[in-house]
Amino acid sequence: MAAPGGSGPIGPYPARVAADDDARADYDKLRRRVLWSLPYGLYVLGSRHGDRRNLMTINWVTQVSFDPKLIAVGVEKTAVTHELVAEGGVFCLNTVAREDRAIIRKFTKPVEVDLAGGTLNGFPFHDGATGAPVLDRAAAFVDCEVRQAVDCGGHTLFIGEVVDCDFLLPEDTEVLRMEDTRMSYGG
């Protein structure tokens, strides 16, 4: 398990790993590389509570049910987006076109909000059916109401029911994946 406070080596270790610091450090590095090799998309997650809005780069996303249609997103507990999703009960998953990869870095920190101008970090958005922000240049969006929140250590897995979705670019637009960038998150 993780050390208290989330720092230090992570265990448990398989029996094949010697119980010394060097072997465990080597295994920790191996485990991170294996987990980084899992395929992920890169998305911009819209969140809202009251008049507060945010867009954040995210990659831990999956559909978890057909009936009802449920999407799960992992959000770091220290993020502004975590607070807004937890309090607002909504989120909007925005996919990003592969050719638009530079936009993804614009949402790794809390955004500058200009509600009068209808922009977040200078990028136009509109409110979706839930009120969460839909990025106008997204390839597609999936607007969700939170049905469950699962504590997962340093992150919360928010499970949201799809209440609206659409393509904003042609349906065959290739969407951004982690391997299309030099970014990594996980491990």
N, C-alpha and C. Protein backbone atom coordinates (compact mmCIF):
# COMPACT_ATOMS: atom_id res chain seq x y z
N MET A 1 0.84 -1.18 0.00
CA MET A 1 0.00 0.00 0.00
C MET A 1 0.88 1.25 0.00
N ALA A 2 0.30 2.36 -0.31
CA ALA A 2 1.05 3.62 -0.34
C ALA A 2 1.44 4.01 1.08
N ALA A 3 2.58 4.65 1.18
CA ALA A 3 3.02 5.17 2.46
C ALA A 3 2.07 6.27 2.91
N PRO A 4 1.94 6.52 4.23
CA PRO A 4 1.07 7.60 4.69
C PRO A 4 1.40 8.91 3.98
N GLY A 5 0.37 9.65 3.61
CA GLY A 5 0.57 10.90 2.91
C GLY A 5 0.80 10.73 1.43
N GLY A 6 0.80 9.49 0.94
CA GLY A 6 0.94 9.24 -0.49
C GLY A 6 2.35 9.33 -1.01
N SER A 7 3.35 9.41 -0.14
CA SER A 7 4.73 9.49 -0.62
C SER A 7 5.46 8.18 -0.31
N GLY A 8 6.59 8.00 -0.96
CA GLY A 8 7.39 6.82 -0.71
C GLY A 8 6.99 5.68 -1.62
N PRO A 9 7.67 4.54 -1.46
CA PRO A 9 7.42 3.39 -2.33
C PRO A 9 6.02 2.83 -2.13
N ILE A 10 5.55 2.18 -3.17
CA ILE A 10 4.22 1.60 -3.14
C ILE A 10 4.38 0.09 -3.13
N GLY A 11 3.66 -0.59 -2.32
CA GLY A 11 3.68 -2.05 -2.25
C GLY A 11 2.29 -2.54 -2.46
N PRO A 12 2.00 -3.78 -2.28
CA PRO A 12 2.96 -4.80 -1.88
C PRO A 12 3.83 -5.21 -3.06
N TYR A 13 4.84 -5.99 -2.75
CA TYR A 13 5.77 -6.45 -3.78
C TYR A 13 5.57 -7.94 -3.99
N PRO A 14 5.66 -8.40 -5.24
CA PRO A 14 5.54 -9.84 -5.48
C PRO A 14 6.72 -10.58 -4.87
N ALA A 15 6.52 -11.87 -4.64
CA ALA A 15 7.55 -12.69 -3.99
C ALA A 15 8.87 -12.68 -4.77
N ARG A 16 8.82 -12.46 -6.07
CA ARG A 16 10.05 -12.48 -6.88
C ARG A 16 10.94 -11.27 -6.65
N VAL A 17 10.45 -10.25 -5.94
CA VAL A 17 11.25 -9.05 -5.68
C VAL A 17 11.89 -9.19 -4.31
N ALA A 18 13.22 -9.12 -4.29
CA ALA A 18 13.96 -9.23 -3.04
C ALA A 18 13.54 -8.11 -2.08
N ALA A 19 13.63 -8.39 -0.80
CA ALA A 19 13.18 -7.44 0.23
C ALA A 19 14.28 -6.44 0.59
N ASP A 20 14.95 -5.90 -0.42
CA ASP A 20 15.94 -4.85 -0.15
C ASP A 20 15.55 -3.59 -0.92
N ASP A 21 16.08 -2.46 -0.47
CA ASP A 21 15.68 -1.17 -1.04
C ASP A 21 15.97 -1.05 -2.53
N ASP A 22 17.12 -1.54 -3.00
CA ASP A 22 17.47 -1.43 -4.41
C ASP A 22 16.51 -2.24 -5.29
N ALA A 23 16.21 -3.47 -4.88
CA ALA A 23 15.31 -4.32 -5.66
C ALA A 23 13.91 -3.70 -5.70
N ARG A 24 13.46 -3.17 -4.58
CA ARG A 24 12.13 -2.56 -4.55
C ARG A 24 12.09 -1.27 -5.37
N ALA A 25 13.16 -0.49 -5.35
CA ALA A 25 13.22 0.73 -6.17
C ALA A 25 13.18 0.37 -7.65
N ASP A 26 13.91 -0.68 -8.04
CA ASP A 26 13.89 -1.13 -9.44
C ASP A 26 12.49 -1.60 -9.83
N TYR A 27 11.84 -2.33 -8.93
CA TYR A 27 10.49 -2.82 -9.23
C TYR A 27 9.50 -1.65 -9.33
N ASP A 28 9.64 -0.65 -8.45
CA ASP A 28 8.76 0.53 -8.53
C ASP A 28 8.89 1.20 -9.90
N LYS A 29 10.12 1.32 -10.42
CA LYS A 29 10.34 1.91 -11.74
C LYS A 29 9.71 1.06 -12.83
N LEU A 30 9.87 -0.27 -12.73
CA LEU A 30 9.27 -1.19 -13.70
C LEU A 30 7.74 -1.06 -13.68
N ARG A 31 7.17 -1.06 -12.49
CA ARG A 31 5.71 -0.97 -12.36
C ARG A 31 5.19 0.31 -13.00
N ARG A 32 5.88 1.44 -12.76
CA ARG A 32 5.45 2.70 -13.39
C ARG A 32 5.48 2.60 -14.91
N ARG A 33 6.55 2.00 -15.46
CA ARG A 33 6.65 1.88 -16.93
C ARG A 33 5.53 1.00 -17.48
N VAL A 34 5.22 -0.09 -16.79
CA VAL A 34 4.14 -0.98 -17.24
C VAL A 34 2.80 -0.23 -17.20
N LEU A 35 2.53 0.47 -16.11
CA LEU A 35 1.27 1.21 -16.00
C LEU A 35 1.20 2.34 -17.01
N TRP A 36 2.32 3.00 -17.30
CA TRP A 36 2.34 4.04 -18.33
C TRP A 36 2.07 3.48 -19.71
N SER A 37 2.30 2.17 -19.90
CA SER A 37 2.09 1.57 -21.22
C SER A 37 0.61 1.29 -21.50
N LEU A 38 -0.25 1.38 -20.47
CA LEU A 38 -1.68 1.18 -20.70
C LEU A 38 -2.19 2.29 -21.62
N PRO A 39 -3.01 1.97 -22.61
CA PRO A 39 -3.48 3.01 -23.53
C PRO A 39 -4.54 3.91 -22.87
N TYR A 40 -4.37 5.20 -23.06
CA TYR A 40 -5.30 6.20 -22.52
C TYR A 40 -5.59 7.24 -23.58
N GLY A 41 -6.77 7.79 -23.54
CA GLY A 41 -7.07 8.99 -24.30
C GLY A 41 -6.68 10.20 -23.47
N LEU A 42 -6.69 11.35 -24.09
CA LEU A 42 -6.52 12.62 -23.37
C LEU A 42 -7.77 13.45 -23.64
N TYR A 43 -8.31 14.01 -22.58
CA TYR A 43 -9.59 14.70 -22.64
C TYR A 43 -9.50 16.02 -21.90
N VAL A 44 -10.51 16.86 -22.08
CA VAL A 44 -10.68 18.06 -21.27
C VAL A 44 -12.00 17.89 -20.53
N LEU A 45 -11.92 17.88 -19.20
CA LEU A 45 -13.10 17.66 -18.37
C LEU A 45 -13.66 19.00 -17.89
N GLY A 46 -14.91 19.26 -18.24
CA GLY A 46 -15.60 20.46 -17.79
C GLY A 46 -16.30 20.20 -16.47
N SER A 47 -16.23 21.17 -15.56
CA SER A 47 -16.89 21.04 -14.27
C SER A 47 -17.54 22.37 -13.89
N ARG A 48 -18.55 22.27 -13.03
CA ARG A 48 -19.26 23.48 -12.62
C ARG A 48 -19.93 23.27 -11.27
N HIS A 49 -19.87 24.32 -10.47
CA HIS A 49 -20.66 24.42 -9.25
C HIS A 49 -21.07 25.87 -9.12
N GLY A 50 -22.36 26.14 -9.20
CA GLY A 50 -22.85 27.52 -9.17
C GLY A 50 -22.28 28.29 -10.35
N ASP A 51 -21.68 29.43 -10.08
CA ASP A 51 -21.08 30.25 -11.14
C ASP A 51 -19.63 29.88 -11.42
N ARG A 52 -19.07 28.95 -10.66
CA ARG A 52 -17.67 28.54 -10.86
C ARG A 52 -17.59 27.46 -11.93
N ARG A 53 -16.64 27.61 -12.84
CA ARG A 53 -16.44 26.64 -13.91
C ARG A 53 -14.95 26.38 -14.06
N ASN A 54 -14.62 25.19 -14.58
CA ASN A 54 -13.23 24.86 -14.86
C ASN A 54 -13.19 23.85 -16.00
N LEU A 55 -12.07 23.85 -16.69
CA LEU A 55 -11.73 22.81 -17.67
C LEU A 55 -10.38 22.25 -17.25
N MET A 56 -10.23 20.94 -17.29
CA MET A 56 -9.00 20.30 -16.84
C MET A 56 -8.64 19.13 -17.75
N THR A 57 -7.35 19.01 -18.05
CA THR A 57 -6.86 17.85 -18.79
C THR A 57 -6.99 16.62 -17.91
N ILE A 58 -7.46 15.54 -18.51
CA ILE A 58 -7.69 14.29 -17.77
C ILE A 58 -7.44 13.12 -18.70
N ASN A 59 -7.06 11.97 -18.12
CA ASN A 59 -6.86 10.80 -18.97
C ASN A 59 -7.43 9.51 -18.40
N TRP A 60 -7.80 9.47 -17.14
CA TRP A 60 -8.35 8.24 -16.58
C TRP A 60 -9.86 8.24 -16.77
N VAL A 61 -10.30 7.64 -17.88
CA VAL A 61 -11.70 7.69 -18.31
C VAL A 61 -12.09 6.34 -18.90
N THR A 62 -13.31 5.88 -18.60
CA THR A 62 -13.85 4.68 -19.25
C THR A 62 -15.37 4.66 -19.12
N GLN A 63 -16.02 3.99 -20.07
CA GLN A 63 -17.45 3.71 -19.94
C GLN A 63 -17.56 2.49 -19.04
N VAL A 64 -18.49 2.51 -18.07
CA VAL A 64 -18.60 1.41 -17.12
C VAL A 64 -19.96 0.71 -17.16
N SER A 65 -20.91 1.20 -17.96
CA SER A 65 -22.21 0.54 -18.06
C SER A 65 -22.90 0.93 -19.36
N PHE A 66 -23.66 -0.06 -19.92
CA PHE A 66 -24.49 0.21 -21.09
C PHE A 66 -25.86 0.73 -20.67
N ASP A 67 -26.41 0.16 -19.57
CA ASP A 67 -27.76 0.50 -19.15
C ASP A 67 -27.80 0.62 -17.63
N PRO A 68 -27.77 1.82 -17.11
CA PRO A 68 -27.75 3.09 -17.82
C PRO A 68 -26.37 3.38 -18.41
N LYS A 69 -26.31 4.34 -19.30
CA LYS A 69 -25.03 4.75 -19.90
C LYS A 69 -24.23 5.50 -18.83
N LEU A 70 -23.13 4.89 -18.36
CA LEU A 70 -22.32 5.49 -17.31
C LEU A 70 -20.87 5.64 -17.76
N ILE A 71 -20.28 6.78 -17.43
CA ILE A 71 -18.88 7.09 -17.70
C ILE A 71 -18.20 7.30 -16.35
N ALA A 72 -16.98 6.77 -16.19
CA ALA A 72 -16.20 6.98 -14.97
C ALA A 72 -14.97 7.81 -15.30
N VAL A 73 -14.70 8.80 -14.45
CA VAL A 73 -13.51 9.64 -14.61
C VAL A 73 -12.78 9.69 -13.27
N GLY A 74 -11.46 9.52 -13.31
CA GLY A 74 -10.64 9.62 -12.11
C GLY A 74 -10.09 11.03 -12.00
N VAL A 75 -10.39 11.71 -10.88
CA VAL A 75 -9.98 13.10 -10.69
C VAL A 75 -9.17 13.21 -9.39
N GLU A 76 -7.99 13.82 -9.50
CA GLU A 76 -7.13 14.02 -8.33
C GLU A 76 -7.84 14.89 -7.30
N LYS A 77 -7.76 14.47 -6.04
CA LYS A 77 -8.51 15.15 -4.97
C LYS A 77 -8.08 16.59 -4.74
N THR A 78 -6.84 16.94 -5.08
CA THR A 78 -6.36 18.31 -4.85
C THR A 78 -6.75 19.26 -5.97
N ALA A 79 -7.35 18.76 -7.04
CA ALA A 79 -7.68 19.58 -8.21
C ALA A 79 -8.94 20.42 -7.97
N VAL A 80 -8.95 21.61 -8.52
CA VAL A 80 -10.15 22.47 -8.49
C VAL A 80 -11.33 21.71 -9.09
N THR A 81 -11.08 20.98 -10.17
CA THR A 81 -12.14 20.21 -10.82
C THR A 81 -12.77 19.22 -9.86
N HIS A 82 -11.98 18.60 -8.99
CA HIS A 82 -12.53 17.65 -8.01
C HIS A 82 -13.57 18.35 -7.14
N GLU A 83 -13.21 19.51 -6.63
CA GLU A 83 -14.13 20.27 -5.79
C GLU A 83 -15.42 20.60 -6.54
N LEU A 84 -15.29 21.06 -7.78
CA LEU A 84 -16.47 21.46 -8.55
C LEU A 84 -17.36 20.28 -8.91
N VAL A 85 -16.77 19.14 -9.28
CA VAL A 85 -17.58 17.96 -9.60
C VAL A 85 -18.25 17.43 -8.33
N ALA A 86 -17.51 17.37 -7.23
CA ALA A 86 -18.07 16.86 -5.98
C ALA A 86 -19.24 17.73 -5.50
N GLU A 87 -19.08 19.05 -5.60
CA GLU A 87 -20.12 19.96 -5.11
C GLU A 87 -21.23 20.21 -6.14
N GLY A 88 -20.87 20.23 -7.41
CA GLY A 88 -21.84 20.53 -8.46
C GLY A 88 -22.60 19.32 -8.97
N GLY A 89 -21.99 18.14 -8.82
CA GLY A 89 -22.66 16.91 -9.23
C GLY A 89 -22.77 16.70 -10.73
N VAL A 90 -21.95 17.43 -11.51
CA VAL A 90 -21.98 17.29 -12.97
C VAL A 90 -20.56 17.37 -13.53
N PHE A 91 -20.38 16.80 -14.72
CA PHE A 91 -19.14 16.99 -15.47
C PHE A 91 -19.43 16.76 -16.94
N CYS A 92 -18.57 17.33 -17.78
CA CYS A 92 -18.69 17.14 -19.22
C CYS A 92 -17.33 16.72 -19.76
N LEU A 93 -17.28 15.54 -20.35
CA LEU A 93 -16.06 15.02 -20.95
C LEU A 93 -15.98 15.50 -22.39
N ASN A 94 -14.91 16.23 -22.72
CA ASN A 94 -14.69 16.76 -24.06
C ASN A 94 -13.54 15.99 -24.71
N THR A 95 -13.78 15.36 -25.86
CA THR A 95 -12.68 14.73 -26.58
C THR A 95 -11.99 15.80 -27.42
N VAL A 96 -10.71 15.57 -27.71
CA VAL A 96 -9.88 16.54 -28.42
C VAL A 96 -9.37 15.91 -29.70
N ALA A 97 -9.45 16.63 -30.80
CA ALA A 97 -8.93 16.13 -32.08
C ALA A 97 -7.41 15.95 -31.97
N ARG A 98 -6.91 14.88 -32.56
CA ARG A 98 -5.47 14.61 -32.53
C ARG A 98 -4.68 15.80 -33.07
N GLU A 99 -5.18 16.44 -34.12
CA GLU A 99 -4.46 17.58 -34.72
C GLU A 99 -4.49 18.82 -33.82
N ASP A 100 -5.30 18.79 -32.76
CA ASP A 100 -5.45 19.93 -31.86
C ASP A 100 -4.71 19.68 -30.53
N ARG A 101 -3.67 18.84 -30.57
CA ARG A 101 -3.01 18.38 -29.35
C ARG A 101 -2.46 19.50 -28.47
N ALA A 102 -2.07 20.64 -29.04
CA ALA A 102 -1.48 21.72 -28.24
C ALA A 102 -2.46 22.25 -27.19
N ILE A 103 -3.75 22.11 -27.44
CA ILE A 103 -4.74 22.64 -26.51
C ILE A 103 -4.69 21.91 -25.16
N ILE A 104 -4.28 20.67 -25.16
CA ILE A 104 -4.34 19.85 -23.96
C ILE A 104 -3.50 20.43 -22.82
N ARG A 105 -2.37 21.04 -23.15
CA ARG A 105 -1.50 21.62 -22.12
C ARG A 105 -2.09 22.91 -21.52
N LYS A 106 -3.05 23.49 -22.20
CA LYS A 106 -3.67 24.73 -21.71
C LYS A 106 -4.57 24.50 -20.50
N PHE A 107 -4.87 23.23 -20.21
CA PHE A 107 -5.81 22.93 -19.14
C PHE A 107 -5.22 22.03 -18.06
N THR A 108 -3.91 22.14 -17.85
CA THR A 108 -3.27 21.35 -16.79
C THR A 108 -3.24 22.10 -15.46
N LYS A 109 -3.63 23.36 -15.46
CA LYS A 109 -3.72 24.19 -14.25
C LYS A 109 -5.10 24.85 -14.24
N PRO A 110 -5.55 25.34 -13.06
CA PRO A 110 -6.85 26.03 -13.03
C PRO A 110 -6.90 27.15 -14.09
N VAL A 111 -8.07 27.32 -14.66
CA VAL A 111 -8.22 28.22 -15.81
C VAL A 111 -8.59 29.64 -15.41
N GLU A 112 -8.32 30.56 -16.34
CA GLU A 112 -8.81 31.93 -16.22
C GLU A 112 -10.22 31.95 -16.80
N VAL A 113 -11.15 32.41 -16.02
CA VAL A 113 -12.56 32.39 -16.41
C VAL A 113 -13.00 33.78 -16.86
N ASP A 114 -13.61 33.85 -18.04
CA ASP A 114 -14.21 35.08 -18.54
C ASP A 114 -15.64 34.74 -18.97
N LEU A 115 -16.55 34.79 -17.99
CA LEU A 115 -17.94 34.42 -18.29
C LEU A 115 -18.59 35.40 -19.25
N ALA A 116 -18.26 36.69 -19.14
CA ALA A 116 -18.84 37.69 -20.05
C ALA A 116 -18.41 37.41 -21.48
N GLY A 117 -17.16 37.00 -21.67
CA GLY A 117 -16.64 36.69 -23.00
C GLY A 117 -16.90 35.25 -23.42
N GLY A 118 -17.41 34.44 -22.48
CA GLY A 118 -17.70 33.04 -22.80
C GLY A 118 -16.46 32.21 -23.08
N THR A 119 -15.37 32.50 -22.31
CA THR A 119 -14.13 31.74 -22.53
C THR A 119 -13.56 31.22 -21.22
N LEU A 120 -12.85 30.12 -21.32
CA LEU A 120 -12.04 29.56 -20.24
C LEU A 120 -10.64 29.42 -20.81
N ASN A 121 -9.68 30.10 -20.19
CA ASN A 121 -8.30 30.17 -20.71
C ASN A 121 -8.27 30.69 -22.15
N GLY A 122 -9.23 31.53 -22.49
CA GLY A 122 -9.28 32.11 -23.82
C GLY A 122 -9.96 31.25 -24.87
N PHE A 123 -10.45 30.08 -24.49
CA PHE A 123 -11.11 29.17 -25.43
C PHE A 123 -12.63 29.24 -25.24
N PRO A 124 -13.36 29.49 -26.32
CA PRO A 124 -14.82 29.57 -26.23
C PRO A 124 -15.44 28.26 -25.73
N PHE A 125 -16.49 28.42 -24.93
CA PHE A 125 -17.24 27.28 -24.42
C PHE A 125 -18.71 27.68 -24.34
N HIS A 126 -19.55 26.67 -24.17
CA HIS A 126 -20.95 26.93 -23.85
C HIS A 126 -21.36 25.94 -22.78
N ASP A 127 -22.41 26.27 -22.05
CA ASP A 127 -22.90 25.38 -21.02
C ASP A 127 -23.69 24.25 -21.65
N GLY A 128 -23.38 23.03 -21.22
CA GLY A 128 -24.13 21.87 -21.69
C GLY A 128 -25.45 21.74 -20.95
N ALA A 129 -26.15 20.64 -21.20
CA ALA A 129 -27.45 20.39 -20.58
C ALA A 129 -27.37 20.41 -19.06
N THR A 130 -26.24 19.95 -18.50
CA THR A 130 -26.07 19.92 -17.05
C THR A 130 -25.58 21.25 -16.50
N GLY A 131 -25.14 22.15 -17.38
CA GLY A 131 -24.52 23.40 -16.96
C GLY A 131 -23.00 23.33 -16.96
N ALA A 132 -22.45 22.13 -17.09
CA ALA A 132 -20.99 21.98 -17.16
C ALA A 132 -20.49 22.50 -18.51
N PRO A 133 -19.27 23.05 -18.56
CA PRO A 133 -18.78 23.63 -19.82
C PRO A 133 -18.46 22.60 -20.89
N VAL A 134 -18.93 22.91 -22.10
CA VAL A 134 -18.59 22.15 -23.31
C VAL A 134 -17.61 23.02 -24.08
N LEU A 135 -16.44 22.50 -24.37
CA LEU A 135 -15.43 23.22 -25.14
C LEU A 135 -15.90 23.30 -26.59
N ASP A 136 -16.05 24.49 -27.13
CA ASP A 136 -16.59 24.66 -28.48
C ASP A 136 -15.77 23.95 -29.55
N ARG A 137 -14.46 23.79 -29.34
CA ARG A 137 -13.64 23.13 -30.35
C ARG A 137 -13.38 21.66 -30.05
N ALA A 138 -14.15 21.09 -29.12
CA ALA A 138 -14.04 19.65 -28.84
C ALA A 138 -14.45 18.85 -30.07
N ALA A 139 -13.88 17.65 -30.20
CA ALA A 139 -14.31 16.74 -31.27
C ALA A 139 -15.71 16.22 -30.95
N ALA A 140 -15.94 15.93 -29.67
CA ALA A 140 -17.23 15.45 -29.19
C ALA A 140 -17.32 15.75 -27.70
N PHE A 141 -18.52 15.66 -27.16
CA PHE A 141 -18.67 15.85 -25.71
C PHE A 141 -19.65 14.82 -25.17
N VAL A 142 -19.48 14.52 -23.87
CA VAL A 142 -20.36 13.62 -23.14
C VAL A 142 -20.69 14.33 -21.82
N ASP A 143 -21.91 14.79 -21.69
CA ASP A 143 -22.35 15.58 -20.54
C ASP A 143 -23.01 14.63 -19.53
N CYS A 144 -22.57 14.69 -18.27
CA CYS A 144 -22.98 13.68 -17.28
C CYS A 144 -23.41 14.29 -15.95
N GLU A 145 -24.34 13.60 -15.30
CA GLU A 145 -24.70 13.88 -13.91
C GLU A 145 -24.09 12.79 -13.04
N VAL A 146 -23.44 13.19 -11.95
CA VAL A 146 -22.77 12.23 -11.07
C VAL A 146 -23.80 11.35 -10.38
N ARG A 147 -23.58 10.05 -10.45
CA ARG A 147 -24.44 9.07 -9.77
C ARG A 147 -23.73 8.44 -8.57
N GLN A 148 -22.39 8.44 -8.61
CA GLN A 148 -21.63 7.81 -7.52
C GLN A 148 -20.22 8.39 -7.51
N ALA A 149 -19.65 8.48 -6.31
CA ALA A 149 -18.26 8.89 -6.15
C ALA A 149 -17.56 7.83 -5.31
N VAL A 150 -16.46 7.30 -5.83
CA VAL A 150 -15.73 6.23 -5.15
C VAL A 150 -14.35 6.75 -4.76
N ASP A 151 -14.04 6.68 -3.46
CA ASP A 151 -12.73 7.10 -2.97
C ASP A 151 -11.69 6.08 -3.42
N CYS A 152 -10.68 6.56 -4.13
CA CYS A 152 -9.62 5.68 -4.65
C CYS A 152 -8.25 6.20 -4.22
N GLY A 153 -8.09 6.54 -2.96
CA GLY A 153 -6.80 7.05 -2.48
C GLY A 153 -6.64 8.51 -2.84
N GLY A 154 -5.64 8.83 -3.67
CA GLY A 154 -5.37 10.20 -4.06
C GLY A 154 -6.34 10.76 -5.08
N HIS A 155 -7.22 9.92 -5.60
CA HIS A 155 -8.20 10.32 -6.61
C HIS A 155 -9.59 9.87 -6.18
N THR A 156 -10.59 10.47 -6.79
CA THR A 156 -11.97 10.00 -6.67
C THR A 156 -12.42 9.58 -8.05
N LEU A 157 -13.07 8.43 -8.11
CA LEU A 157 -13.67 7.97 -9.36
C LEU A 157 -15.12 8.46 -9.35
N PHE A 158 -15.40 9.44 -10.20
CA PHE A 158 -16.76 9.95 -10.34
C PHE A 158 -17.44 9.18 -11.46
N ILE A 159 -18.58 8.58 -11.14
CA ILE A 159 -19.35 7.83 -12.13
C ILE A 159 -20.56 8.68 -12.49
N GLY A 160 -20.64 9.03 -13.78
CA GLY A 160 -21.70 9.92 -14.22
C GLY A 160 -22.58 9.28 -15.28
N GLU A 161 -23.87 9.56 -15.19
CA GLU A 161 -24.81 9.09 -16.20
C GLU A 161 -24.87 10.09 -17.35
N VAL A 162 -24.80 9.58 -18.56
CA VAL A 162 -24.82 10.43 -19.75
C VAL A 162 -26.22 11.02 -19.92
N VAL A 163 -26.30 12.36 -19.93
CA VAL A 163 -27.58 13.02 -20.15
C VAL A 163 -27.63 13.71 -21.51
N ASP A 164 -26.46 13.92 -22.11
CA ASP A 164 -26.39 14.51 -23.45
C ASP A 164 -25.01 14.23 -24.03
N CYS A 165 -24.93 14.11 -25.34
CA CYS A 165 -23.64 13.94 -26.02
C CYS A 165 -23.84 14.28 -27.50
N ASP A 166 -22.73 14.62 -28.16
CA ASP A 166 -22.81 14.93 -29.58
C ASP A 166 -21.40 15.05 -30.14
N PHE A 167 -21.32 14.95 -31.46
CA PHE A 167 -20.08 15.25 -32.17
C PHE A 167 -20.11 16.72 -32.56
N LEU A 168 -19.01 17.43 -32.32
CA LEU A 168 -18.88 18.82 -32.75
C LEU A 168 -18.02 18.92 -34.00
N LEU A 169 -17.24 17.89 -34.27
CA LEU A 169 -16.45 17.76 -35.49
C LEU A 169 -16.93 16.51 -36.20
N PRO A 170 -16.52 16.28 -37.44
CA PRO A 170 -16.95 15.05 -38.12
C PRO A 170 -16.67 13.80 -37.27
N GLU A 171 -17.60 12.86 -37.33
CA GLU A 171 -17.54 11.67 -36.49
C GLU A 171 -16.25 10.88 -36.67
N ASP A 172 -15.63 10.95 -37.85
CA ASP A 172 -14.41 10.18 -38.10
C ASP A 172 -13.13 10.93 -37.69
N THR A 173 -13.27 12.07 -37.01
CA THR A 173 -12.10 12.81 -36.53
C THR A 173 -11.30 11.94 -35.56
N GLU A 174 -10.00 11.81 -35.79
CA GLU A 174 -9.16 11.04 -34.88
C GLU A 174 -8.96 11.85 -33.60
N VAL A 175 -9.16 11.18 -32.46
CA VAL A 175 -9.05 11.87 -31.17
C VAL A 175 -7.69 11.60 -30.53
N LEU A 176 -7.31 12.51 -29.67
CA LEU A 176 -6.00 12.51 -29.03
C LEU A 176 -5.86 11.37 -28.03
N ARG A 177 -4.69 10.75 -28.06
CA ARG A 177 -4.33 9.71 -27.10
C ARG A 177 -3.03 10.11 -26.42
N MET A 178 -2.79 9.53 -25.27
CA MET A 178 -1.59 9.85 -24.51
C MET A 178 -0.33 9.65 -25.35
N GLU A 179 -0.28 8.58 -26.12
CA GLU A 179 0.93 8.28 -26.90
C GLU A 179 1.18 9.28 -28.02
N ASP A 180 0.19 10.13 -28.32
CA ASP A 180 0.38 11.18 -29.33
C ASP A 180 1.16 12.37 -28.78
N THR A 181 1.42 12.36 -27.49
CA THR A 181 2.11 13.47 -26.82
C THR A 181 3.33 12.94 -26.08
N ARG A 182 4.04 13.82 -25.45
CA ARG A 182 5.15 13.42 -24.59
C ARG A 182 4.71 13.44 -23.12
N MET A 183 3.43 13.53 -22.90
CA MET A 183 2.90 13.59 -21.54
C MET A 183 2.80 12.18 -20.96
N SER A 184 2.84 12.11 -19.63
CA SER A 184 2.56 10.85 -18.94
C SER A 184 1.89 11.19 -17.62
N TYR A 185 0.96 10.34 -17.22
CA TYR A 185 0.28 10.52 -15.95
C TYR A 185 -0.13 9.13 -15.50
N GLY A 186 0.31 8.75 -14.35
CA GLY A 186 -0.01 7.42 -13.84
C GLY A 186 1.24 6.74 -13.37
N GLY A 187 1.09 5.45 -13.14
CA GLY A 187 2.24 4.66 -12.72
C GLY A 187 2.46 4.71 -11.26
